[in-house]
């Protein structure tokens, strides 16, 4: 029997936030509707944070970032979606894509419907699902017992994080759980460890779906040093251990890492260590190199 390839898979599910997830999904965009992204919705900074403070609702920034990277046919709609207001008026710094998603959210029954309307408008085949359709924020307790509220503040912590939680407790989007249950391959990362990747694993139903999946799970490591001091101090082995502690069992079968990462402490997992960096943007994954590395992982995992 020949080894499986990405083209053989019926459903690939990628988990993460913003830039990292968008990069992974755009590298696998040829899978079309067989590709599903589950997107973190805890952002409370920038344009997204301002919209949340004034209008409520879920964080749209990471979702918009993923959609941006999946646009293959430039159009007036895509130019509008990517437009950011400048100047120093009330709209300054706001992203029109965030405002469009928020407006559709008001007009639609569910955030997921708003996303599907935008996907159709932008001709994006891959599915995108918010991790939850209820507004939620991140909370952390640091090693000195201080409670820290909100993604922006957590990203600035220097002290190790003892515990991370979602506030309030919300349920995962049912389509996200279904996608994981039906997946042939699950990808986690790259992205900010504490604020893009772990929030997904804090949803009890999502962690349960990951505990149950028979699909291979691949962790894609960041190429650059994390901007968050607390996350920057973690080794690859420590990150894997923390993720699996939140999920409740060993789930990660393979890691895809750049050449500079120390993998000596990583055992009993397939390690794909390759040059993955894009020529134009340091610390971003090159789409073709990333796809080739994932192809290799799929073949070796069988």
Protein backbone atom coordinates (compact mmCIF):
# COMPACT_ATOMS: atom_id res chain seq x y z
CA UNK A 1 0.00 0.00 0.00
CA UNK A 2 1.42 3.38 -0.96
CA UNK A 3 1.86 6.07 1.64
CA UNK A 4 -0.95 8.55 2.10
CA UNK A 5 -0.51 12.06 0.79
CA UNK A 6 -2.31 15.29 1.60
CA UNK A 7 -4.33 14.84 -1.59
CA UNK A 8 -5.78 11.58 -0.17
CA UNK A 9 -7.23 13.27 2.90
CA UNK A 10 -10.92 14.15 3.05
CA UNK A 11 -10.69 16.60 5.92
CA UNK A 12 -7.73 18.50 7.27
CA UNK A 13 -8.40 20.64 10.34
CA UNK A 14 -5.99 23.38 11.45
CA UNK A 15 -6.19 25.10 14.84
CA UNK A 16 -4.70 28.47 15.73
CA UNK A 17 -4.97 32.22 15.47
CA UNK A 18 -4.26 35.06 13.11
CA UNK A 19 -1.04 35.07 11.12
CA UNK A 20 0.07 31.52 11.84
CA UNK A 21 -3.21 29.80 11.02
CA UNK A 22 -3.67 31.95 7.93
CA UNK A 23 -0.22 30.95 6.73
CA UNK A 24 -0.91 27.23 7.23
CA UNK A 25 -4.28 27.44 5.52
CA UNK A 26 -2.95 29.40 2.56
CA UNK A 27 -0.19 26.80 2.12
CA UNK A 28 -2.90 24.12 1.93
CA UNK A 29 -5.47 26.22 0.04
CA UNK A 30 -5.49 23.76 -2.88
CA UNK A 31 -7.42 21.38 -0.60
CA UNK A 32 -10.37 23.76 -1.00
CA UNK A 33 -13.43 22.77 1.02
CA UNK A 34 -11.56 19.79 2.51
CA UNK A 35 -9.68 22.28 4.69
CA UNK A 36 -11.16 23.72 7.89
CA UNK A 37 -9.62 26.28 10.23
CA UNK A 38 -10.72 26.64 13.85
CA UNK A 39 -9.87 30.16 14.94
CA UNK A 40 -9.07 31.62 18.37
CA UNK A 41 -11.48 34.37 19.45
CA UNK A 42 -9.93 35.87 22.60
CA UNK A 43 -8.14 38.89 21.07
CA UNK A 44 -8.82 42.15 22.92
CA UNK A 45 -6.28 44.48 21.30
CA UNK A 46 -6.23 46.92 18.37
CA UNK A 47 -9.26 47.46 16.14
CA UNK A 48 -10.78 44.19 17.37
CA UNK A 49 -10.55 45.26 21.02
CA UNK A 50 -12.14 48.64 20.28
CA UNK A 51 -15.05 46.98 18.47
CA UNK A 52 -15.54 44.53 21.33
CA UNK A 53 -15.55 47.31 23.91
CA UNK A 54 -18.12 49.38 22.02
CA UNK A 55 -20.27 46.68 20.41
CA UNK A 56 -19.62 43.46 22.33
CA UNK A 57 -19.45 40.14 20.49
CA UNK A 58 -16.59 37.82 19.64
CA UNK A 59 -13.12 38.90 18.56
CA UNK A 60 -12.96 39.07 14.77
CA UNK A 61 -9.30 40.00 14.18
CA UNK A 62 -7.80 36.51 13.84
CA UNK A 63 -10.68 35.40 11.63
CA UNK A 64 -10.18 38.42 9.36
CA UNK A 65 -6.44 37.72 9.18
CA UNK A 66 -7.10 34.13 8.04
CA UNK A 67 -9.63 35.24 5.44
CA UNK A 68 -7.15 37.83 4.12
CA UNK A 69 -4.51 35.15 3.54
CA UNK A 70 -6.97 32.86 1.75
CA UNK A 71 -8.08 35.41 -0.85
CA UNK A 72 -6.79 34.18 -4.20
CA UNK A 73 -8.86 36.38 -6.52
CA UNK A 74 -8.25 40.08 -5.84
CA UNK A 75 -11.49 42.04 -6.24
CA UNK A 76 -13.19 45.20 -5.04
CA UNK A 77 -14.63 43.08 -2.21
CA UNK A 78 -11.18 41.86 -1.14
CA UNK A 79 -9.71 45.39 -1.34
CA UNK A 80 -12.55 46.60 0.89
CA UNK A 81 -12.09 43.71 3.29
CA UNK A 82 -8.38 44.47 3.71
CA UNK A 83 -8.81 48.25 3.97
CA UNK A 84 -7.56 49.97 7.13
CA UNK A 85 -8.58 53.56 7.94
CA UNK A 86 -5.75 56.03 8.52
CA UNK A 87 -5.71 59.61 9.83
CA UNK A 88 -6.70 60.52 13.37
CA UNK A 89 -10.49 60.46 13.31
CA UNK A 90 -12.82 58.02 15.05
CA UNK A 91 -12.29 55.37 12.38
CA UNK A 92 -8.49 55.65 12.44
CA UNK A 93 -6.82 52.26 12.84
CA UNK A 94 -10.06 50.36 12.27
CA UNK A 95 -10.00 47.58 9.74
CA UNK A 96 -12.99 47.54 7.39
CA UNK A 97 -12.94 43.72 7.39
CA UNK A 98 -13.53 43.71 11.16
CA UNK A 99 -16.39 46.20 10.76
CA UNK A 100 -17.94 44.16 7.91
CA UNK A 101 -17.83 40.98 10.02
CA UNK A 102 -19.33 42.85 12.98
CA UNK A 103 -22.12 44.32 10.81
CA UNK A 104 -22.93 40.89 9.37
CA UNK A 105 -22.87 39.51 12.90
CA UNK A 106 -25.65 42.02 13.76
CA UNK A 107 -27.59 41.05 10.61
CA UNK A 108 -27.13 37.29 10.88
CA UNK A 109 -28.30 34.79 13.42
CA UNK A 110 -24.85 33.36 14.17
CA UNK A 111 -21.24 34.54 13.81
CA UNK A 112 -20.62 31.43 11.70
CA UNK A 113 -23.22 32.63 9.19
CA UNK A 114 -21.47 36.02 8.99
CA UNK A 115 -18.19 34.22 8.21
CA UNK A 116 -19.82 32.09 5.52
CA UNK A 117 -21.34 35.18 3.86
CA UNK A 118 -17.87 36.80 3.75
CA UNK A 119 -16.28 33.56 2.49
CA UNK A 120 -18.74 33.53 -0.41
CA UNK A 121 -18.13 37.21 -1.12
CA UNK A 122 -14.34 36.66 -1.19
CA UNK A 123 -14.56 33.27 -2.98
CA UNK A 124 -12.76 31.42 -0.18
CA UNK A 125 -13.38 27.66 -0.37
CA UNK A 126 -11.82 26.59 2.93
CA UNK A 127 -14.10 26.60 5.95
CA UNK A 128 -13.39 28.86 8.93
CA UNK A 129 -15.04 28.32 12.29
CA UNK A 130 -14.66 30.48 15.41
CA UNK A 131 -13.63 28.42 18.46
CA UNK A 132 -16.72 29.76 20.25
CA UNK A 133 -19.59 32.00 19.17
CA UNK A 134 -19.82 33.56 22.62
CA UNK A 135 -17.64 36.51 23.71
CA UNK A 136 -14.74 35.27 25.83
CA UNK A 137 -11.49 36.57 27.31
CA UNK A 138 -8.32 34.97 28.56
CA UNK A 139 -7.29 35.02 32.21
CA UNK A 140 -3.99 33.88 33.65
CA UNK A 141 -2.51 33.27 37.07
CA UNK A 142 1.23 33.90 37.14
CA UNK A 143 3.80 32.08 39.31
CA UNK A 144 3.37 34.68 42.06
CA UNK A 145 -0.38 34.13 42.22
CA UNK A 146 -1.40 37.35 40.46
CA UNK A 147 -4.43 37.22 38.20
CA UNK A 148 -3.98 38.86 34.82
CA UNK A 149 -6.95 39.64 32.59
CA UNK A 150 -6.99 39.85 28.80
CA UNK A 151 -4.82 38.63 25.94
CA UNK A 152 -2.87 41.89 25.55
CA UNK A 153 -1.76 41.88 29.22
CA UNK A 154 -0.99 38.15 29.23
CA UNK A 155 1.31 38.56 26.23
CA UNK A 156 3.39 41.02 28.28
CA UNK A 157 3.96 38.71 31.27
CA UNK A 158 7.56 37.89 32.15
CA UNK A 159 6.85 35.49 35.02
CA UNK A 160 5.94 31.89 34.11
CA UNK A 161 2.21 31.29 33.75
CA UNK A 162 0.83 28.79 36.27
CA UNK A 163 -2.67 28.54 34.90
CA UNK A 164 -4.62 29.85 31.94
CA UNK A 165 -8.42 29.94 31.80
CA UNK A 166 -11.28 31.34 29.75
CA UNK A 167 -13.66 33.87 31.26
CA UNK A 168 -16.55 33.44 31.23
CA UNK A 169 -16.81 29.70 30.58
CA UNK A 170 -18.20 29.32 27.09
CA UNK A 171 -19.02 26.40 24.85
CA UNK A 172 -17.13 25.49 21.68
CA UNK A 173 -18.85 26.00 18.32
CA UNK A 174 -20.54 22.69 17.51
CA UNK A 175 -19.22 22.71 13.94
CA UNK A 176 -15.67 22.93 15.33
CA UNK A 177 -16.22 19.80 17.42
CA UNK A 178 -17.76 18.02 14.43
CA UNK A 179 -14.81 19.00 12.21
CA UNK A 180 -12.32 17.51 14.68
CA UNK A 181 -14.42 14.34 14.98
CA UNK A 182 -14.33 13.92 11.17
CA UNK A 183 -10.71 14.96 10.62
CA UNK A 184 -8.09 12.79 8.88
CA UNK A 185 -5.30 15.15 9.99
CA UNK A 186 -5.16 17.82 12.69
CA UNK A 187 -2.63 20.66 12.70
CA UNK A 188 -1.88 22.93 15.67
CA UNK A 189 0.17 26.12 15.28
CA UNK A 190 2.24 28.07 14.58
CA UNK A 191 1.21 31.06 16.67
CA UNK A 192 1.55 32.80 20.02
CA UNK A 193 1.64 29.89 22.43
CA UNK A 194 -0.36 31.30 25.33
CA UNK A 195 -2.72 33.55 23.40
CA UNK A 196 -3.34 31.86 20.02
CA UNK A 197 -2.92 28.12 20.64
CA UNK A 198 -3.78 27.34 24.26
CA UNK A 199 -7.16 29.18 24.30
CA UNK A 200 -8.55 26.52 21.93
CA UNK A 201 -7.45 23.73 24.27
CA UNK A 202 -9.16 25.42 27.23
CA UNK A 203 -12.58 24.69 25.73
CA UNK A 204 -13.65 21.47 27.42
CA UNK A 205 -15.57 20.02 24.43
CA UNK A 206 -12.71 20.83 22.09
CA UNK A 207 -10.14 19.18 24.37
CA UNK A 208 -12.45 16.16 24.62
CA UNK A 209 -12.72 15.96 20.80
CA UNK A 210 -8.90 16.01 20.60
CA UNK A 211 -8.64 13.26 23.22
CA UNK A 212 -10.98 11.09 21.16
CA UNK A 213 -9.66 11.68 17.64
CA UNK A 214 -7.96 8.79 15.86
CA UNK A 215 -6.44 11.29 13.38
CA UNK A 216 -2.72 12.09 13.57
CA UNK A 217 -1.97 15.45 15.20
CA UNK A 218 0.95 17.58 13.98
CA UNK A 219 2.33 20.56 15.91
CA UNK A 220 3.93 23.28 13.76
CA UNK A 221 6.47 25.22 15.78
CA UNK A 222 7.17 28.95 15.44
CA UNK A 223 10.27 29.97 13.49
CA UNK A 224 11.11 33.09 15.45
CA UNK A 225 11.37 33.88 19.14
CA UNK A 226 8.00 34.59 20.69
CA UNK A 227 7.21 38.23 21.47
CA UNK A 228 5.65 37.16 24.79
CA UNK A 229 8.52 36.86 27.33
CA UNK A 230 6.76 34.06 29.27
CA UNK A 231 6.30 31.98 26.10
CA UNK A 232 9.77 32.79 24.71
CA UNK A 233 11.36 30.97 27.65
CA UNK A 234 9.58 27.67 26.93
CA UNK A 235 11.34 24.85 25.10
CA UNK A 236 9.58 22.80 22.43
CA UNK A 237 9.31 19.85 24.83
CA UNK A 238 7.76 22.10 27.50
CA UNK A 239 5.19 23.45 25.03
CA UNK A 240 4.16 19.93 24.02
CA UNK A 241 3.85 18.93 27.70
CA UNK A 242 1.72 21.99 28.56
CA UNK A 243 -0.62 21.46 25.59
CA UNK A 244 -1.11 17.82 26.46
CA UNK A 245 -1.67 18.68 30.11
CA UNK A 246 -4.62 20.88 29.07
CA UNK A 247 -5.97 18.31 26.61
CA UNK A 248 -5.63 15.50 29.12
CA UNK A 249 -3.56 12.99 27.18
CA UNK A 250 -0.65 12.60 24.77
CA UNK A 251 -2.06 13.54 21.37
CA UNK A 252 0.77 15.07 19.32
CA UNK A 253 2.23 12.52 16.91
CA UNK A 254 4.63 14.75 14.97
CA UNK A 255 6.34 18.13 15.13
CA UNK A 256 7.37 20.30 12.19
CA UNK A 257 10.23 22.59 13.20
CA UNK A 258 12.89 24.83 11.72
CA UNK A 259 16.60 23.90 11.75
CA UNK A 260 17.50 26.03 14.78
CA UNK A 261 15.11 24.36 17.24
CA UNK A 262 16.57 22.09 19.91
CA UNK A 263 14.62 18.83 19.60
CA UNK A 264 16.85 16.71 21.88
CA UNK A 265 14.23 16.51 24.66
CA UNK A 266 11.41 15.54 22.27
CA UNK A 267 10.93 11.79 22.30
CA UNK A 268 8.52 9.24 20.81
CA UNK A 269 7.26 11.62 18.15
CA UNK A 270 8.02 12.02 14.48
CA UNK A 271 10.29 15.06 14.00
CA UNK A 272 10.31 16.83 10.65
CA UNK A 273 13.12 19.39 10.88
CA UNK A 274 13.55 21.47 7.73
CA UNK A 275 14.34 24.95 6.48
CA UNK A 276 10.87 26.53 6.47
CA UNK A 277 11.48 30.28 6.50
CA UNK A 278 10.07 32.51 3.78
CA UNK A 279 12.66 34.47 1.81
CA UNK A 280 10.71 37.74 1.96
CA UNK A 281 9.53 37.79 5.59
CA UNK A 282 11.84 36.43 8.33
CA UNK A 283 10.12 34.16 10.85
CA UNK A 284 7.16 33.49 8.53
CA UNK A 285 6.76 30.03 7.07
CA UNK A 286 7.29 29.73 3.34
CA UNK A 287 4.04 28.26 2.01
CA UNK A 288 5.68 25.76 -0.37
CA UNK A 289 8.29 24.59 2.15
CA UNK A 290 5.63 24.21 4.85
CA UNK A 291 3.38 22.22 2.56
CA UNK A 292 6.30 19.93 1.61
CA UNK A 293 7.12 19.36 5.30
CA UNK A 294 3.49 18.53 6.08
CA UNK A 295 3.39 16.19 3.08
CA UNK A 296 6.42 14.39 4.50
CA UNK A 297 4.75 14.13 7.93
CA UNK A 298 1.55 12.68 6.43
CA UNK A 299 3.49 10.08 4.43
CA UNK A 300 5.57 8.98 7.41
CA UNK A 301 2.60 8.88 9.78
CA UNK A 302 0.82 6.65 7.25
